[in-house]
Amino acid sequence: MRVKRDYGKEYKKFQSTPTQIKRRAKRNKDRREAERNGQVEKGDGQDVHHAANGRRVVMTASKNRGIPEKSRLPGSRRRKNR
């Protein structure tokens, strides 16, 4: 049986940390800049992918969400919370 997610607890624990607030603000700023430059529009199905080297790449939302997270790949040192 699945346990319901406690979004408030998740926010307090992770998303409200100063580091995450700065990262989210940077992502939002990059999206606004891309909108101003005409690279993306609201509702066009495009995402702004933030590459590791600091570049912004505009791609479809489905392609961006299909990129595997490095910490979830085999050989990662990520701890399993099970």
PDB file of N, CA and C in Angstrom:
ATOM      1  N   MET A   1       0.838  -1.183   0.000  1.00  0.00           N
ATOM      2  CA  MET A   1       0.000   0.000   0.000  1.00  0.00           C
ATOM      3  C   MET A   1       0.884   1.248   0.000  1.00  0.00           C
ATOM      4  N   ARG A   2       0.502   2.202  -0.777  1.00  0.00           N
ATOM      5  CA  ARG A   2       1.265   3.444  -0.860  1.00  0.00           C
ATOM      6  C   ARG A   2       0.959   4.365   0.304  1.00  0.00           C
ATOM      7  N   VAL A   3       1.989   5.069   0.729  1.00  0.00           N
ATOM      8  CA  VAL A   3       1.845   6.061   1.783  1.00  0.00           C
ATOM      9  C   VAL A   3       1.645   7.413   1.115  1.00  0.00           C
ATOM     10  N   LYS A   4       0.695   8.197   1.605  1.00  0.00           N
ATOM     11  CA  LYS A   4       0.463   9.524   1.031  1.00  0.00           C
ATOM     12  C   LYS A   4       1.651  10.425   1.317  1.00  0.00           C
ATOM     13  N   ARG A   5       1.990  11.259   0.323  1.00  0.00           N
ATOM     14  CA  ARG A   5       3.109  12.175   0.484  1.00  0.00           C
ATOM     15  C   ARG A   5       2.701  13.371   1.323  1.00  0.00           C
ATOM     16  N   ASP A   6       3.594  13.774   2.189  1.00  0.00           N
ATOM     17  CA  ASP A   6       3.378  14.964   2.995  1.00  0.00           C
ATOM     18  C   ASP A   6       4.184  16.098   2.357  1.00  0.00           C
ATOM     19  N   TYR A   7       3.531  16.840   1.470  1.00  0.00           N
ATOM     20  CA  TYR A   7       4.226  17.871   0.712  1.00  0.00           C
ATOM     21  C   TYR A   7       4.749  18.984   1.613  1.00  0.00           C
ATOM     22  N   GLY A   8       4.031  19.306   2.663  1.00  0.00           N
ATOM     23  CA  GLY A   8       4.491  20.332   3.589  1.00  0.00           C
ATOM     24  C   GLY A   8       5.786  19.936   4.256  1.00  0.00           C
ATOM     25  N   LYS A   9       5.865  18.683   4.657  1.00  0.00           N
ATOM     26  CA  LYS A   9       7.077  18.171   5.293  1.00  0.00           C
ATOM     27  C   LYS A   9       8.240  18.164   4.299  1.00  0.00           C
ATOM     28  N   GLU A  10       7.959  17.764   3.058  1.00  0.00           N
ATOM     29  CA  GLU A  10       9.000  17.767   2.028  1.00  0.00           C
ATOM     30  C   GLU A  10       9.528  19.177   1.802  1.00  0.00           C
ATOM     31  N   TYR A  11       8.623  20.152   1.755  1.00  0.00           N
ATOM     32  CA  TYR A  11       9.047  21.530   1.532  1.00  0.00           C
ATOM     33  C   TYR A  11       9.930  22.009   2.683  1.00  0.00           C
ATOM     34  N   LYS A  12       9.494  21.756   3.905  1.00  0.00           N
ATOM     35  CA  LYS A  12      10.267  22.198   5.068  1.00  0.00           C
ATOM     36  C   LYS A  12      11.643  21.553   5.108  1.00  0.00           C
ATOM     37  N   LYS A  13      11.698  20.280   4.722  1.00  0.00           N
ATOM     38  CA  LYS A  13      12.950  19.542   4.826  1.00  0.00           C
ATOM     39  C   LYS A  13      13.935  19.885   3.708  1.00  0.00           C
ATOM     40  N   PHE A  14      13.455  20.103   2.490  1.00  0.00           N
ATOM     41  CA  PHE A  14      14.365  20.221   1.359  1.00  0.00           C
ATOM     42  C   PHE A  14      14.204  21.525   0.584  1.00  0.00           C
ATOM     43  N   GLN A  15      13.008  21.819   0.128  1.00  0.00           N
ATOM     44  CA  GLN A  15      12.812  22.930  -0.801  1.00  0.00           C
ATOM     45  C   GLN A  15      12.960  24.302  -0.166  1.00  0.00           C
ATOM     46  N   SER A  16      12.868  24.390   1.132  1.00  0.00           N
ATOM     47  CA  SER A  16      12.964  25.692   1.781  1.00  0.00           C
ATOM     48  C   SER A  16      14.380  26.012   2.247  1.00  0.00           C
ATOM     49  N   THR A  17      15.331  25.130   1.953  1.00  0.00           N
ATOM     50  CA  THR A  17      16.708  25.408   2.352  1.00  0.00           C
ATOM     51  C   THR A  17      17.262  26.547   1.495  1.00  0.00           C
ATOM     52  N   PRO A  18      18.158  27.351   2.029  1.00  0.00           N
ATOM     53  CA  PRO A  18      18.703  28.481   1.259  1.00  0.00           C
ATOM     54  C   PRO A  18      19.324  28.062  -0.073  1.00  0.00           C
ATOM     55  N   THR A  19      19.979  26.917  -0.096  1.00  0.00           N
ATOM     56  CA  THR A  19      20.598  26.447  -1.342  1.00  0.00           C
ATOM     57  C   THR A  19      19.538  26.179  -2.405  1.00  0.00           C
ATOM     58  N   GLN A  20      18.465  25.492  -2.019  1.00  0.00           N
ATOM     59  CA  GLN A  20      17.424  25.153  -2.983  1.00  0.00           C
ATOM     60  C   GLN A  20      16.649  26.388  -3.427  1.00  0.00           C
ATOM     61  N   ILE A  21      16.470  27.350  -2.534  1.00  0.00           N
ATOM     62  CA  ILE A  21      15.788  28.590  -2.903  1.00  0.00           C
ATOM     63  C   ILE A  21      16.600  29.318  -3.968  1.00  0.00           C
ATOM     64  N   LYS A  22      17.923  29.366  -3.818  1.00  0.00           N
ATOM     65  CA  LYS A  22      18.790  30.013  -4.800  1.00  0.00           C
ATOM     66  C   LYS A  22      18.742  29.288  -6.137  1.00  0.00           C
ATOM     67  N   ARG A  23      18.773  27.950  -6.099  1.00  0.00           N
ATOM     68  CA  ARG A  23      18.729  27.179  -7.341  1.00  0.00           C
ATOM     69  C   ARG A  23      17.405  27.389  -8.070  1.00  0.00           C
ATOM     70  N   ARG A  24      16.304  27.380  -7.323  1.00  0.00           N
ATOM     71  CA  ARG A  24      14.991  27.583  -7.938  1.00  0.00           C
ATOM     72  C   ARG A  24      14.881  28.977  -8.527  1.00  0.00           C
ATOM     73  N   ALA A  25      15.403  29.984  -7.821  1.00  0.00           N
ATOM     74  CA  ALA A  25      15.382  31.356  -8.318  1.00  0.00           C
ATOM     75  C   ALA A  25      16.178  31.463  -9.614  1.00  0.00           C
ATOM     76  N   LYS A  26      17.318  30.772  -9.705  1.00  0.00           N
ATOM     77  CA  LYS A  26      18.129  30.777 -10.929  1.00  0.00           C
ATOM     78  C   LYS A  26      17.371  30.135 -12.081  1.00  0.00           C
ATOM     79  N   ARG A  27      16.694  29.011 -11.825  1.00  0.00           N
ATOM     80  CA  ARG A  27      15.915  28.350 -12.882  1.00  0.00           C
ATOM     81  C   ARG A  27      14.798  29.253 -13.372  1.00  0.00           C
ATOM     82  N   ASN A  28      14.108  29.921 -12.448  1.00  0.00           N
ATOM     83  CA  ASN A  28      13.025  30.825 -12.825  1.00  0.00           C
ATOM     84  C   ASN A  28      13.559  32.007 -13.635  1.00  0.00           C
ATOM     85  N   LYS A  29      14.704  32.540 -13.223  1.00  0.00           N
ATOM     86  CA  LYS A  29      15.309  33.663 -13.935  1.00  0.00           C
ATOM     87  C   LYS A  29      15.692  33.261 -15.359  1.00  0.00           C
ATOM     88  N   ASP A  30      16.283  32.064 -15.496  1.00  0.00           N
ATOM     89  CA  ASP A  30      16.666  31.583 -16.820  1.00  0.00           C
ATOM     90  C   ASP A  30      15.447  31.404 -17.719  1.00  0.00           C
ATOM     91  N   ARG A  31      14.356  30.925 -17.169  1.00  0.00           N
ATOM     92  CA  ARG A  31      13.132  30.751 -17.949  1.00  0.00           C
ATOM     93  C   ARG A  31      12.615  32.114 -18.416  1.00  0.00           C
ATOM     94  N   ARG A  32      12.602  33.106 -17.520  1.00  0.00           N
ATOM     95  CA  ARG A  32      12.139  34.449 -17.895  1.00  0.00           C
ATOM     96  C   ARG A  32      13.013  35.054 -18.983  1.00  0.00           C
ATOM     97  N   GLU A  33      14.331  34.863 -18.874  1.00  0.00           N
ATOM     98  CA  GLU A  33      15.240  35.385 -19.899  1.00  0.00           C
ATOM     99  C   GLU A  33      14.980  34.725 -21.246  1.00  0.00           C
ATOM    100  N   ALA A  34      14.749  33.416 -21.239  1.00  0.00           N
ATOM    101  CA  ALA A  34      14.470  32.699 -22.483  1.00  0.00           C
ATOM    102  C   ALA A  34      13.156  33.191 -23.090  1.00  0.00           C
ATOM    103  N   GLU A  35      12.169  33.519 -22.257  1.00  0.00           N
ATOM    104  CA  GLU A  35      10.908  34.068 -22.758  1.00  0.00           C
ATOM    105  C   GLU A  35      11.136  35.436 -23.387  1.00  0.00           C
ATOM    106  N   ARG A  36      11.942  36.278 -22.742  1.00  0.00           N
ATOM    107  CA  ARG A  36      12.238  37.606 -23.280  1.00  0.00           C
ATOM    108  C   ARG A  36      12.970  37.525 -24.613  1.00  0.00           C
ATOM    109  N   ASN A  37      13.848  36.529 -24.756  1.00  0.00           N
ATOM    110  CA  ASN A  37      14.617  36.362 -25.985  1.00  0.00           C
ATOM    111  C   ASN A  37      13.823  35.673 -27.089  1.00  0.00           C
ATOM    112  N   GLY A  38      12.591  35.252 -26.787  1.00  0.00           N
ATOM    113  CA  GLY A  38      11.747  34.612 -27.782  1.00  0.00           C
ATOM    114  C   GLY A  38      12.062  33.146 -28.013  1.00  0.00           C
ATOM    115  N   GLN A  39      12.838  32.532 -27.126  1.00  0.00           N
ATOM    116  CA  GLN A  39      13.186  31.123 -27.276  1.00  0.00           C
ATOM    117  C   GLN A  39      12.033  30.212 -26.863  1.00  0.00           C
ATOM    118  N   VAL A  40      11.273  30.627 -25.871  1.00  0.00           N
ATOM    119  CA  VAL A  40      10.139  29.841 -25.382  1.00  0.00           C
ATOM    120  C   VAL A  40       8.956  30.772 -25.161  1.00  0.00           C
ATOM    121  N   GLU A  41       7.785  30.172 -25.122  1.00  0.00           N
ATOM    122  CA  GLU A  41       6.566  30.906 -24.789  1.00  0.00           C
ATOM    123  C   GLU A  41       5.773  30.076 -23.805  1.00  0.00           C
ATOM    124  N   LYS A  42       4.901  30.720 -23.096  1.00  0.00           N
ATOM    125  CA  LYS A  42       4.051  30.027 -22.144  1.00  0.00           C
ATOM    126  C   LYS A  42       3.156  29.037 -22.892  1.00  0.00           C
ATOM    127  N   GLY A  43       3.142  27.794 -22.429  1.00  0.00           N
ATOM    128  CA  GLY A  43       2.263  26.792 -23.009  1.00  0.00           C
ATOM    129  C   GLY A  43       2.752  26.177 -24.302  1.00  0.00           C
ATOM    130  N   ASP A  44       4.003  26.408 -24.696  1.00  0.00           N
ATOM    131  CA  ASP A  44       4.489  25.864 -25.960  1.00  0.00           C
ATOM    132  C   ASP A  44       5.093  24.461 -25.827  1.00  0.00           C
ATOM    133  N   GLY A  45       5.115  23.911 -24.618  1.00  0.00           N
ATOM    134  CA  GLY A  45       5.634  22.561 -24.411  1.00  0.00           C
ATOM    135  C   GLY A  45       7.147  22.493 -24.352  1.00  0.00           C
ATOM    136  N   GLN A  46       7.806  23.639 -24.227  1.00  0.00           N
ATOM    137  CA  GLN A  46       9.257  23.682 -24.181  1.00  0.00           C
ATOM    138  C   GLN A  46       9.729  23.870 -22.739  1.00  0.00           C
ATOM    139  N   ASP A  47      10.858  23.236 -22.422  1.00  0.00           N
ATOM    140  CA  ASP A  47      11.495  23.401 -21.123  1.00  0.00           C
ATOM    141  C   ASP A  47      12.864  24.021 -21.334  1.00  0.00           C
ATOM    142  N   VAL A  48      13.367  24.678 -20.316  1.00  0.00           N
ATOM    143  CA  VAL A  48      14.730  25.189 -20.344  1.00  0.00           C
ATOM    144  C   VAL A  48      15.569  24.214 -19.543  1.00  0.00           C
ATOM    145  N   HIS A  49      16.405  23.451 -20.258  1.00  0.00           N
ATOM    146  CA  HIS A  49      17.278  22.469 -19.627  1.00  0.00           C
ATOM    147  C   HIS A  49      18.542  23.187 -19.183  1.00  0.00           C
ATOM    148  N   HIS A  50      18.964  22.939 -17.958  1.00  0.00           N
ATOM    149  CA  HIS A  50      20.160  23.585 -17.425  1.00  0.00           C
ATOM    150  C   HIS A  50      21.284  22.569 -17.434  1.00  0.00           C
ATOM    151  N   ALA A  51      22.163  22.682 -18.424  1.00  0.00           N
ATOM    152  CA  ALA A  51      23.269  21.748 -18.569  1.00  0.00           C
ATOM    153  C   ALA A  51      24.275  21.961 -17.435  1.00  0.00           C
ATOM    154  N   ALA A  52      25.108  20.955 -17.223  1.00  0.00           N
ATOM    155  CA  ALA A  52      26.053  20.978 -16.109  1.00  0.00           C
ATOM    156  C   ALA A  52      27.056  22.119 -16.209  1.00  0.00           C
ATOM    157  N   ASN A  53      27.371  22.541 -17.418  1.00  0.00           N
ATOM    158  CA  ASN A  53      28.374  23.580 -17.575  1.00  0.00           C
ATOM    159  C   ASN A  53      27.778  24.986 -17.493  1.00  0.00           C
ATOM    160  N   GLY A  54      26.536  25.090 -17.074  1.00  0.00           N
ATOM    161  CA  GLY A  54      25.910  26.392 -16.892  1.00  0.00           C
ATOM    162  C   GLY A  54      25.157  26.909 -18.108  1.00  0.00           C
ATOM    163  N   ARG A  55      25.173  26.153 -19.204  1.00  0.00           N
ATOM    164  CA  ARG A  55      24.449  26.579 -20.402  1.00  0.00           C
ATOM    165  C   ARG A  55      22.960  26.297 -20.238  1.00  0.00           C
ATOM    166  N   ARG A  56      22.165  27.094 -20.958  1.00  0.00           N
ATOM    167  CA  ARG A  56      20.729  26.842 -21.038  1.00  0.00           C
ATOM    168  C   ARG A  56      20.431  26.249 -22.398  1.00  0.00           C
ATOM    169  N   VAL A  57      19.659  25.169 -22.436  1.00  0.00           N
ATOM    170  CA  VAL A  57      19.279  24.540 -23.682  1.00  0.00           C
ATOM    171  C   VAL A  57      17.764  24.418 -23.681  1.00  0.00           C
ATOM    172  N   VAL A  58      17.125  24.905 -24.739  1.00  0.00           N
ATOM    173  CA  VAL A  58      15.672  24.794 -24.859  1.00  0.00           C
ATOM    174  C   VAL A  58      15.362  23.490 -25.572  1.00  0.00           C
ATOM    175  N   MET A  59      14.495  22.665 -24.962  1.00  0.00           N
ATOM    176  CA  MET A  59      14.096  21.402 -25.567  1.00  0.00           C
ATOM    177  C   MET A  59      12.669  21.080 -25.156  1.00  0.00           C
ATOM    178  N   THR A  60      12.082  20.095 -25.808  1.00  0.00           N
ATOM    179  CA  THR A  60      10.711  19.733 -25.470  1.00  0.00           C
ATOM    180  C   THR A  60      10.668  19.195 -24.046  1.00  0.00           C
ATOM    181  N   ALA A  61       9.535  19.369 -23.419  1.00  0.00           N
ATOM    182  CA  ALA A  61       9.393  18.936 -22.029  1.00  0.00           C
ATOM    183  C   ALA A  61       9.574  17.429 -21.909  1.00  0.00           C
ATOM    184  N   SER A  62       9.035  16.659 -22.861  1.00  0.00           N
ATOM    185  CA  SER A  62       9.141  15.201 -22.766  1.00  0.00           C
ATOM    186  C   SER A  62      10.589  14.744 -22.905  1.00  0.00           C
ATOM    187  N   LYS A  63      11.361  15.398 -23.748  1.00  0.00           N
ATOM    188  CA  LYS A  63      12.762  15.026 -23.918  1.00  0.00           C
ATOM    189  C   LYS A  63      13.561  15.405 -22.670  1.00  0.00           C
ATOM    190  N   ASN A  64      13.283  16.570 -22.108  1.00  0.00           N
ATOM    191  CA  ASN A  64      14.003  17.021 -20.921  1.00  0.00           C
ATOM    192  C   ASN A  64      13.728  16.104 -19.731  1.00  0.00           C
ATOM    193  N   ARG A  65      12.516  15.646 -19.592  1.00  0.00           N
ATOM    194  CA  ARG A  65      12.171  14.798 -18.445  1.00  0.00           C
ATOM    195  C   ARG A  65      12.607  13.358 -18.642  1.00  0.00           C
ATOM    196  N   GLY A  66      13.040  13.026 -19.858  1.00  0.00           N
ATOM    197  CA  GLY A  66      13.525  11.682 -20.131  1.00  0.00           C
ATOM    198  C   GLY A  66      15.002  11.526 -19.879  1.00  0.00           C
ATOM    199  N   ILE A  67      15.691  12.611 -19.519  1.00  0.00           N
ATOM    200  CA  ILE A  67      17.121  12.545 -19.246  1.00  0.00           C
ATOM    201  C   ILE A  67      17.322  11.884 -17.885  1.00  0.00           C
ATOM    202  N   PRO A  68      18.080  10.782 -17.831  1.00  0.00           N
ATOM    203  CA  PRO A  68      18.253  10.112 -16.546  1.00  0.00           C
ATOM    204  C   PRO A  68      19.083  10.946 -15.579  1.00  0.00           C
ATOM    205  N   GLU A  69      18.656  10.941 -14.357  1.00  0.00           N
ATOM    206  CA  GLU A  69      19.386  11.643 -13.304  1.00  0.00           C
ATOM    207  C   GLU A  69      20.639  10.831 -12.981  1.00  0.00           C
ATOM    208  N   LYS A  70      21.780  11.489 -12.933  1.00  0.00           N
ATOM    209  CA  LYS A  70      23.044  10.771 -12.756  1.00  0.00           C
ATOM    210  C   LYS A  70      23.090   9.972 -11.447  1.00  0.00           C
ATOM    211  N   SER A  71      22.435  10.479 -10.416  1.00  0.00           N
ATOM    212  CA  SER A  71      22.490   9.777  -9.137  1.00  0.00           C
ATOM    213  C   SER A  71      21.650   8.505  -9.144  1.00  0.00           C
ATOM    214  N   ARG A  72      20.833   8.314 -10.165  1.00  0.00           N
ATOM    215  CA  ARG A  72      19.995   7.119 -10.222  1.00  0.00           C
ATOM    216  C   ARG A  72      20.543   6.064 -11.179  1.00  0.00           C
ATOM    217  N   LEU A  73      21.647   6.359 -11.840  1.00  0.00           N
ATOM    218  CA  LEU A  73      22.235   5.419 -12.778  1.00  0.00           C
ATOM    219  C   LEU A  73      23.007   4.337 -12.035  1.00  0.00           C
ATOM    220  N   PRO A  74      23.199   3.167 -12.675  1.00  0.00           N
ATOM    221  CA  PRO A  74      23.983   2.105 -12.037  1.00  0.00           C
ATOM    222  C   PRO A  74      25.390   2.596 -11.715  1.00  0.00           C
ATOM    223  N   GLY A  75      25.920   2.159 -10.588  1.00  0.00           N
ATOM    224  CA  GLY A  75      27.257   2.555 -10.181  1.00  0.00           C
ATOM    225  C   GLY A  75      27.282   3.815  -9.341  1.00  0.00           C
ATOM    226  N   SER A  76      26.128   4.423  -9.132  1.00  0.00           N
ATOM    227  CA  SER A  76      26.071   5.637  -8.331  1.00  0.00           C
ATOM    228  C   SER A  76      26.262   5.283  -6.859  1.00  0.00           C
ATOM    229  N   ARG A  77      26.772   6.233  -6.116  1.00  0.00           N
ATOM    230  CA  ARG A  77      26.972   6.017  -4.680  1.00  0.00           C
ATOM    231  C   ARG A  77      25.763   6.480  -3.872  1.00  0.00           C
ATOM    232  N   ARG A  78      24.671   6.737  -4.557  1.00  0.00           N
ATOM    233  CA  ARG A  78      23.462   7.236  -3.915  1.00  0.00           C
ATOM    234  C   ARG A  78      22.933   6.191  -2.925  1.00  0.00           C
ATOM    235  N   ARG A  79      22.561   6.652  -1.757  1.00  0.00           N
ATOM    236  CA  ARG A  79      22.019   5.745  -0.742  1.00  0.00           C
ATOM    237  C   ARG A  79      20.597   5.390  -1.081  1.00  0.00           C
ATOM    238  N   LYS A  80      20.253   4.175  -0.809  1.00  0.00           N
ATOM    239  CA  LYS A  80      18.877   3.710  -1.007  1.00  0.00           C
ATOM    240  C   LYS A  80      18.123   3.922   0.302  1.00  0.00           C
ATOM    241  N   ASN A  81      16.971   4.570   0.221  1.00  0.00           N
ATOM    242  CA  ASN A  81      16.171   4.829   1.423  1.00  0.00           C
ATOM    243  C   ASN A  81      15.076   3.792   1.556  1.00  0.00           C
ATOM    244  N   ARG A  82      15.451   2.563   1.665  1.00  0.00           N
ATOM    245  CA  ARG A  82      14.446   1.510   1.787  1.00  0.00           C
ATOM    246  C   ARG A  82      14.616   0.717   3.030  1.00  0.00           C
TER     247      ARG A  82
END
